[in-house]
C-alpha atoms as a PDB file:
ATOM      1  CA  MET A   1     129.389 130.629  94.318  1.00  0.00           C
ATOM      2  CA  PRO A   2     129.178 128.901  97.719  1.00  0.00           C
ATOM      3  CA  THR A   3     125.863 128.845  99.574  1.00  0.00           C
ATOM      4  CA  ILE A   4     125.752 130.126 103.151  1.00  0.00           C
ATOM      5  CA  THR A   5     122.561 129.479 105.115  1.00  0.00           C
ATOM      6  CA  PHE A   6     121.411 130.962 108.415  1.00  0.00           C
ATOM      7  CA  ASP A   7     118.515 128.926 109.828  1.00  0.00           C
ATOM      8  CA  ASN A   8     117.059 130.832 112.798  1.00  0.00           C
ATOM      9  CA  ALA A   9     120.649 131.489 113.868  1.00  0.00           C
ATOM     10  CA  GLY A  10     121.113 133.881 116.760  1.00  0.00           C
ATOM     11  CA  ALA A  11     123.748 134.837 119.287  1.00  0.00           C
ATOM     12  CA  LEU A  12     123.377 135.506 122.995  1.00  0.00           C
ATOM     13  CA  TYR A  13     126.604 136.193 124.913  1.00  0.00           C
ATOM     14  CA  SER A  14     126.917 136.811 128.665  1.00  0.00           C
ATOM     15  CA  GLY A  15     123.169 137.231 128.849  1.00  0.00           C
ATOM     16  CA  ARG A  16     123.193 139.937 126.174  1.00  0.00           C
ATOM     17  CA  ARG A  17     121.353 139.519 122.887  1.00  0.00           C
ATOM     18  CA  ILE A  18     123.821 140.283 120.067  1.00  0.00           C
ATOM     19  CA  LEU A  19     121.970 138.796 117.128  1.00  0.00           C
ATOM     20  CA  GLU A  20     118.292 137.935 116.938  1.00  0.00           C
ATOM     21  CA  PRO A  21     117.455 134.592 115.295  1.00  0.00           C
ATOM     22  CA  ILE A  22     117.663 135.179 111.551  1.00  0.00           C
ATOM     23  CA  SER A  23     117.069 133.092 108.458  1.00  0.00           C
ATOM     24  CA  LEU A  24     119.155 134.123 105.478  1.00  0.00           C
ATOM     25  CA  THR A  25     120.703 132.565 102.387  1.00  0.00           C
ATOM     26  CA  LEU A  26     123.829 134.062 100.803  1.00  0.00           C
ATOM     27  CA  THR A  27     124.825 132.978  97.303  1.00  0.00           C
ATOM     28  CA  GLU A  28     126.009 136.170  95.608  1.00  0.00           C
ATOM     29  CA  ARG A  29     129.630 136.807  94.621  1.00  0.00           C
ATOM     30  CA  ARG A  30     130.022 140.142  96.444  1.00  0.00           C
ATOM     31  CA  ILE A  31     127.981 140.982  99.528  1.00  0.00           C
ATOM     32  CA  GLY A  32     128.245 144.054 101.736  1.00  0.00           C
ATOM     33  CA  ILE A  33     127.084 144.224 105.358  1.00  0.00           C
ATOM     34  CA  ILE A  34     126.358 147.687 106.785  1.00  0.00           C
ATOM     35  CA  GLY A  35     124.818 149.218 109.895  1.00  0.00           C
ATOM     36  CA  GLU A  36     125.549 151.145 113.044  1.00  0.00           C
ATOM     37  CA  ASN A  37     128.275 150.190 115.513  1.00  0.00           C
ATOM     38  CA  GLY A  38     127.194 147.462 117.909  1.00  0.00           C
ATOM     39  CA  GLY A  39     124.327 146.396 115.675  1.00  0.00           C
ATOM     40  CA  GLY A  40     125.573 142.859 115.039  1.00  0.00           C
ATOM     41  CA  LYS A  41     127.385 143.186 111.681  1.00  0.00           C
ATOM     42  CA  SER A  42     130.655 141.583 112.748  1.00  0.00           C
ATOM     43  CA  THR A  43     128.867 138.921 114.778  1.00  0.00           C
ATOM     44  CA  LEU A  44     126.892 137.924 111.693  1.00  0.00           C
ATOM     45  CA  ALA A  45     130.078 137.662 109.634  1.00  0.00           C
ATOM     46  CA  ARG A  46     131.977 135.706 112.293  1.00  0.00           C
ATOM     47  CA  LEU A  47     129.246 133.083 112.509  1.00  0.00           C
ATOM     48  CA  ILE A  48     130.013 132.079 108.918  1.00  0.00           C
ATOM     49  CA  ASN A  49     133.391 130.514 109.660  1.00  0.00           C
ATOM     50  CA  GLY A  50     133.059 129.733 113.332  1.00  0.00           C
ATOM     51  CA  LEU A  51     135.003 132.676 114.771  1.00  0.00           C
ATOM     52  CA  GLY A  52     131.771 133.246 116.662  1.00  0.00           C
ATOM     53  CA  ALA A  53     129.256 130.624 117.688  1.00  0.00           C
ATOM     54  CA  ALA A  54     125.513 130.693 117.154  1.00  0.00           C
ATOM     55  CA  THR A  55     123.844 130.021 120.496  1.00  0.00           C
ATOM     56  CA  GLU A  56     120.630 129.004 118.751  1.00  0.00           C
ATOM     57  CA  GLY A  57     119.715 127.788 115.300  1.00  0.00           C
ATOM     58  CA  THR A  58     122.313 126.718 112.736  1.00  0.00           C
ATOM     59  CA  VAL A  59     124.680 128.196 110.192  1.00  0.00           C
ATOM     60  CA  LEU A  60     125.592 126.070 107.190  1.00  0.00           C
ATOM     61  CA  TYR A  61     128.412 126.589 104.734  1.00  0.00           C
ATOM     62  CA  GLU A  62     127.908 124.491 101.619  1.00  0.00           C
ATOM     63  CA  GLY A  63     125.799 122.159 103.739  1.00  0.00           C
ATOM     64  CA  LEU A  64     128.400 121.871 106.512  1.00  0.00           C
ATOM     65  CA  ASN A  65     127.222 122.752 110.011  1.00  0.00           C
ATOM     66  CA  VAL A  66     129.693 125.453 111.061  1.00  0.00           C
ATOM     67  CA  ALA A  67     129.331 124.668 114.778  1.00  0.00           C
ATOM     68  CA  ARG A  68     130.288 121.033 114.211  1.00  0.00           C
ATOM     69  CA  LYS A  69     132.712 121.413 111.289  1.00  0.00           C
ATOM     70  CA  ALA A  70     134.393 124.737 112.087  1.00  0.00           C
ATOM     71  CA  LYS A  71     137.908 123.577 111.184  1.00  0.00           C
ATOM     72  CA  GLU A  72     136.744 122.191 107.877  1.00  0.00           C
ATOM     73  CA  VAL A  73     134.759 125.335 107.097  1.00  0.00           C
ATOM     74  CA  ARG A  74     137.687 127.619 107.944  1.00  0.00           C
ATOM     75  CA  LYS A  75     139.700 125.901 105.222  1.00  0.00           C
ATOM     76  CA  GLN A  76     137.169 127.309 102.772  1.00  0.00           C
ATOM     77  CA  VAL A  77     136.403 130.648 104.436  1.00  0.00           C
ATOM     78  CA  GLY A  78     139.210 133.151 104.996  1.00  0.00           C
ATOM     79  CA  PHE A  79     138.784 136.076 107.409  1.00  0.00           C
ATOM     80  CA  ILE A  80     140.572 139.450 107.242  1.00  0.00           C
ATOM     81  CA  PHE A  81     140.429 141.586 110.393  1.00  0.00           C
ATOM     82  CA  SER A  82     140.112 145.377 110.357  1.00  0.00           C
ATOM     83  CA  ASP A  83     143.514 145.766 112.029  1.00  0.00           C
ATOM     84  CA  ALA A  84     145.960 143.733 109.968  1.00  0.00           C
ATOM     85  CA  ASP A  85     148.474 143.785 112.838  1.00  0.00           C
ATOM     86  CA  ASN A  86     146.234 141.252 114.570  1.00  0.00           C
ATOM     87  CA  GLN A  87     147.072 138.735 111.832  1.00  0.00           C
ATOM     88  CA  ILE A  88     150.841 139.228 111.776  1.00  0.00           C
ATOM     89  CA  VAL A  89     152.614 136.379 113.542  1.00  0.00           C
ATOM     90  CA  MET A  90     155.999 135.915 111.863  1.00  0.00           C
ATOM     91  CA  PRO A  91     159.158 138.060 111.671  1.00  0.00           C
ATOM     92  CA  THR A  92     159.224 138.542 107.888  1.00  0.00           C
ATOM     93  CA  VAL A  93     156.604 139.130 105.214  1.00  0.00           C
ATOM     94  CA  ALA A  94     157.404 135.906 103.329  1.00  0.00           C
ATOM     95  CA  GLU A  95     157.364 133.831 106.510  1.00  0.00           C
ATOM     96  CA  ASP A  96     154.027 135.337 107.496  1.00  0.00           C
ATOM     97  CA  ILE A  97     152.449 134.164 104.244  1.00  0.00           C
ATOM     98  CA  ALA A  98     154.136 130.757 104.515  1.00  0.00           C
ATOM     99  CA  PHE A  99     152.831 130.376 108.084  1.00  0.00           C
ATOM    100  CA  SER A 100     149.294 130.124 106.700  1.00  0.00           C
ATOM    101  CA  LEU A 101     150.325 126.951 104.851  1.00  0.00           C
ATOM    102  CA  ARG A 102     151.885 125.197 107.857  1.00  0.00           C
ATOM    103  CA  LYS A 103     149.027 122.714 108.354  1.00  0.00           C
ATOM    104  CA  HIS A 104     148.897 121.712 104.697  1.00  0.00           C
ATOM    105  CA  ARG A 105     152.233 119.928 104.808  1.00  0.00           C
ATOM    106  CA  LEU A 106     152.972 120.808 101.212  1.00  0.00           C
ATOM    107  CA  PRO A 107     156.253 119.883  99.546  1.00  0.00           C
ATOM    108  CA  ARG A 108     158.704 122.736 100.106  1.00  0.00           C
ATOM    109  CA  GLN A 109     158.879 123.526  96.395  1.00  0.00           C
ATOM    110  CA  GLU A 110     155.097 123.936  96.131  1.00  0.00           C
ATOM    111  CA  ARG A 111     154.923 125.967  99.342  1.00  0.00           C
ATOM    112  CA  ASP A 112     157.686 128.307  98.168  1.00  0.00           C
ATOM    113  CA  ALA A 113     156.000 128.674  94.783  1.00  0.00           C
ATOM    114  CA  ARG A 114     152.710 129.664  96.404  1.00  0.00           C
ATOM    115  CA  VAL A 115     154.404 132.188  98.667  1.00  0.00           C
ATOM    116  CA  HIS A 116     156.338 133.692  95.756  1.00  0.00           C
ATOM    117  CA  ALA A 117     153.168 133.965  93.659  1.00  0.00           C
ATOM    118  CA  ALA A 118     151.355 135.697  96.521  1.00  0.00           C
ATOM    119  CA  LEU A 119     154.195 138.159  97.036  1.00  0.00           C
ATOM    120  CA  GLU A 120     154.208 139.026  93.343  1.00  0.00           C
ATOM    121  CA  ARG A 121     150.430 139.273  93.083  1.00  0.00           C
ATOM    122  CA  PHE A 122     150.140 141.826  95.868  1.00  0.00           C
ATOM    123  CA  GLY A 123     153.255 143.844  95.129  1.00  0.00           C
ATOM    124  CA  LEU A 124     155.130 142.645  98.209  1.00  0.00           C
ATOM    125  CA  ALA A 125     158.047 140.840  96.558  1.00  0.00           C
ATOM    126  CA  ASN A 126     160.502 143.623  97.411  1.00  0.00           C
ATOM    127  CA  HIS A 127     159.480 143.334 101.061  1.00  0.00           C
ATOM    128  CA  ALA A 128     159.745 139.544 101.360  1.00  0.00           C
ATOM    129  CA  ASP A 129     162.520 139.688 103.961  1.00  0.00           C
ATOM    130  CA  ASP A 130     161.262 142.819 105.745  1.00  0.00           C
ATOM    131  CA  SER A 131     159.447 142.893 109.051  1.00  0.00           C
ATOM    132  CA  PRO A 132     155.690 143.126 108.448  1.00  0.00           C
ATOM    133  CA  HIS A 133     155.537 145.838 111.095  1.00  0.00           C
ATOM    134  CA  LEU A 134     157.566 148.141 108.827  1.00  0.00           C
ATOM    135  CA  LEU A 135     154.921 148.022 106.096  1.00  0.00           C
ATOM    136  CA  SER A 136     152.435 150.803 105.486  1.00  0.00           C
ATOM    137  CA  GLY A 137     148.812 150.334 106.507  1.00  0.00           C
ATOM    138  CA  GLY A 138     147.826 149.477 102.959  1.00  0.00           C
ATOM    139  CA  GLN A 139     150.685 146.995 102.577  1.00  0.00           C
ATOM    140  CA  LYS A 140     149.704 145.311 105.840  1.00  0.00           C
ATOM    141  CA  GLN A 141     146.169 144.852 104.518  1.00  0.00           C
ATOM    142  CA  LEU A 142     147.624 143.363 101.327  1.00  0.00           C
ATOM    143  CA  LEU A 143     149.758 141.020 103.446  1.00  0.00           C
ATOM    144  CA  ALA A 144     146.690 139.936 105.426  1.00  0.00           C
ATOM    145  CA  LEU A 145     144.855 139.315 102.156  1.00  0.00           C
ATOM    146  CA  ALA A 146     147.813 137.416 100.699  1.00  0.00           C
ATOM    147  CA  SER A 147     148.035 135.238 103.827  1.00  0.00           C
ATOM    148  CA  VAL A 148     144.367 134.349 103.414  1.00  0.00           C
ATOM    149  CA  LEU A 149     144.341 133.839  99.640  1.00  0.00           C
ATOM    150  CA  VAL A 150     147.454 131.652  99.630  1.00  0.00           C
ATOM    151  CA  LEU A 151     145.165 129.021 101.181  1.00  0.00           C
ATOM    152  CA  GLU A 152     142.895 129.252  98.119  1.00  0.00           C
ATOM    153  CA  PRO A 153     139.602 129.641 100.043  1.00  0.00           C
ATOM    154  CA  SER A 154     136.237 129.755  98.325  1.00  0.00           C
ATOM    155  CA  THR A 155     134.965 132.687 100.404  1.00  0.00           C
ATOM    156  CA  VAL A 156     136.776 135.728 101.808  1.00  0.00           C
ATOM    157  CA  ILE A 157     135.285 137.797 104.644  1.00  0.00           C
ATOM    158  CA  ALA A 158     136.764 141.239 105.350  1.00  0.00           C
ATOM    159  CA  ASP A 159     135.784 143.137 108.496  1.00  0.00           C
ATOM    160  CA  GLU A 160     136.210 146.905 107.974  1.00  0.00           C
ATOM    161  CA  PRO A 161     139.109 146.495 105.511  1.00  0.00           C
ATOM    162  CA  THR A 162     139.477 150.235 104.747  1.00  0.00           C
ATOM    163  CA  THR A 163     139.229 151.678 108.263  1.00  0.00           C
ATOM    164  CA  LEU A 164     142.946 152.410 108.665  1.00  0.00           C
ATOM    165  CA  LEU A 165     143.737 153.219 105.027  1.00  0.00           C
ATOM    166  CA  ASP A 166     144.402 156.464 103.202  1.00  0.00           C
ATOM    167  CA  LEU A 167     142.637 157.136  99.900  1.00  0.00           C
ATOM    168  CA  ARG A 168     145.356 155.662  97.667  1.00  0.00           C
ATOM    169  CA  ASN A 169     145.485 152.389  99.580  1.00  0.00           C
ATOM    170  CA  ARG A 170     141.700 152.283  99.856  1.00  0.00           C
ATOM    171  CA  LEU A 171     141.433 152.479  96.072  1.00  0.00           C
ATOM    172  CA  HIS A 172     144.145 149.846  95.726  1.00  0.00           C
ATOM    173  CA  ILE A 173     142.329 147.425  98.033  1.00  0.00           C
ATOM    174  CA  ARG A 174     139.056 148.089  96.214  1.00  0.00           C
ATOM    175  CA  ARG A 175     140.674 147.199  92.893  1.00  0.00           C
ATOM    176  CA  ILE A 176     142.189 144.023  94.330  1.00  0.00           C
ATOM    177  CA  PHE A 177     138.835 143.006  95.789  1.00  0.00           C
ATOM    178  CA  SER A 178     137.074 143.638  92.467  1.00  0.00           C
ATOM    179  CA  GLU A 179     139.438 141.191  90.768  1.00  0.00           C
ATOM    180  CA  LEU A 180     138.948 138.327  93.225  1.00  0.00           C
ATOM    181  CA  ASP A 181     137.361 135.157  91.892  1.00  0.00           C
ATOM    182  CA  GLN A 182     136.207 134.166  95.372  1.00  0.00           C
ATOM    183  CA  GLN A 183     132.926 134.994  97.022  1.00  0.00           C
ATOM    184  CA  LEU A 184     133.558 138.198  98.984  1.00  0.00           C
ATOM    185  CA  ILE A 185     131.701 139.413 102.083  1.00  0.00           C
ATOM    186  CA  VAL A 186     132.660 142.865 103.381  1.00  0.00           C
ATOM    187  CA  VAL A 187     131.537 144.396 106.680  1.00  0.00           C
ATOM    188  CA  THR A 188     131.977 148.131 106.343  1.00  0.00           C
ATOM    189  CA  HIS A 189     130.978 151.717 107.077  1.00  0.00           C
ATOM    190  CA  ASP A 190     132.599 152.727 103.787  1.00  0.00           C
ATOM    191  CA  LEU A 191     129.447 152.850 101.692  1.00  0.00           C
ATOM    192  CA  ASP A 192     131.159 153.880  98.451  1.00  0.00           C
ATOM    193  CA  PHE A 193     133.384 150.808  98.722  1.00  0.00           C
ATOM    194  CA  ILE A 194     130.418 148.478  98.209  1.00  0.00           C
ATOM    195  CA  ASP A 195     128.179 150.515  95.899  1.00  0.00           C
ATOM    196  CA  ASP A 196     128.813 148.135  92.986  1.00  0.00           C
ATOM    197  CA  PHE A 197     128.386 144.899  94.968  1.00  0.00           C
ATOM    198  CA  ASP A 198     125.694 142.358  94.121  1.00  0.00           C
ATOM    199  CA  ARG A 199     123.865 142.634  97.440  1.00  0.00           C
ATOM    200  CA  VAL A 200     123.931 144.732 100.603  1.00  0.00           C
ATOM    201  CA  ILE A 201     122.473 143.694 103.963  1.00  0.00           C
ATOM    202  CA  ARG A 202     121.756 146.218 106.700  1.00  0.00           C
ATOM    203  CA  VAL A 203     121.958 144.982 110.272  1.00  0.00           C
ATOM    204  CA  GLN A 204     120.546 147.017 113.146  1.00  0.00           C
ATOM    205  CA  SER A 205     119.943 146.060 116.767  1.00  0.00           C
ATOM    206  CA  GLY A 206     120.713 142.441 115.937  1.00  0.00           C
ATOM    207  CA  ARG A 207     118.137 142.241 113.147  1.00  0.00           C
ATOM    208  CA  ILE A 208     118.182 142.317 109.363  1.00  0.00           C
ATOM    209  CA  LEU A 209     116.594 145.696 108.718  1.00  0.00           C
ATOM    210  CA  ASP A 210     117.128 145.861 104.949  1.00  0.00           C
ATOM    211  CA  ASP A 211     118.417 143.576 102.223  1.00  0.00           C
ATOM    212  CA  GLY A 212     118.742 144.002  98.485  1.00  0.00           C
ATOM    213  CA  ALA A 213     120.557 145.849  95.702  1.00  0.00           C
ATOM    214  CA  PRO A 214     123.233 148.264  96.968  1.00  0.00           C
ATOM    215  CA  GLY A 215     121.714 151.502  95.689  1.00  0.00           C
ATOM    216  CA  PRO A 216     118.320 151.373  97.406  1.00  0.00           C
ATOM    217  CA  VAL A 217     119.625 149.804 100.629  1.00  0.00           C
ATOM    218  CA  ILE A 218     122.399 152.376 100.994  1.00  0.00           C
ATOM    219  CA  GLU A 219     120.067 155.266 100.140  1.00  0.00           C
ATOM    220  CA  ARG A 220     117.551 154.182 102.780  1.00  0.00           C
ATOM    221  CA  TYR A 221     120.326 153.782 105.336  1.00  0.00           C
ATOM    222  CA  ILE A 222     121.672 157.287 104.666  1.00  0.00           C
ATOM    223  CA  ALA A 223     118.149 158.737 104.813  1.00  0.00           C
ATOM    224  CA  ASP A 224     117.506 157.049 108.161  1.00  0.00           C
ATOM    225  CA  MET A 225     120.802 158.316 109.575  1.00  0.00           C
ATOM    226  CA  ARG A 226     120.021 161.861 108.455  1.00  0.00           C
ATOM    227  CA  ALA A 227     116.535 161.685 109.928  1.00  0.00           C
ATOM    228  CA  SER A 228     117.950 160.369 113.196  1.00  0.00           C
ATOM    229  CA  GLU A 229     120.504 163.193 113.284  1.00  0.00           C
ATOM    230  CA  ASP A 230     117.778 165.754 112.636  1.00  0.00           C
ATOM    231  CA  ASP A 231     115.676 164.334 115.466  1.00  0.00           C
ATOM    232  CA  SER A 232     118.581 164.381 117.900  1.00  0.00           C
ATOM    233  CA  GLY A 233     119.273 168.012 117.073  1.00  0.00           C
ATOM    234  CA  ARG A 234     115.770 169.196 117.917  1.00  0.00           C
END
C-alpha cells in the first residue's frame, strides 16, 4: 500500500486554525476518519491530494511533496465528494466517465474499453446514454466512483460517501468498497460502515484525539458523545 506522511502538517485559513500541526503515517489498506463536524476531518483528507494546502509542515505521498507535486499526486489519489452532483460535468453517464480520461490522451479504442469496463463494473451500462442527473443517489455515487477508478489511482479518498444514500445503496457502496484493491480512506459519521477497516483515526478540534483499531476507537468515541450529551442535559 502507498505511504502517506504528515510531518508537522497544519492548516490555518483566514486566520482560523483548522488543523493543528500533526505528524502521522498512513500505510494501511482501509482507513476511516471520524469526529464531530468542524473538527478537521475533511481538511485532513484534502491535504493528501492537494485539494487543500498545508500552511505549515509537509504532506508526502509516496515521497512526493503534495504542495509541490499536487498534479502528479492527484494522478495517484482519487477523491469522491459527499454530494456526487458536484462531480458531474458531462451530459451523459458514459461521457462523464470518459471526461476523467481527457488528459491521458489515450487511443480511442483503449479509452472506450476503459469506459465500457467501468460501466459494466458498477452496473451502469444500461444508463450509458442517460443524463447523470436522472440517476438515483446510489447510482450517482457509483458514477463518481467509476469516474475516479477509471484513472486507476493507487489511493481513493471518499468524503461522507453514504450521507445521501438509503440503506440498500449504502450496503451496495460498502460492498463495492470492500472489493477495491486500492488503498481506501473514508471520512464518515457512519460508524458501522468502517467497523471492519484496518485503522480508524478520530479528529477533534483540529487534533488527532484517538488512533487505532476500529473497535476501541469507535467505542471510545461513542462513550465520549454519550457523556457529552449527558452533561449538556444536566
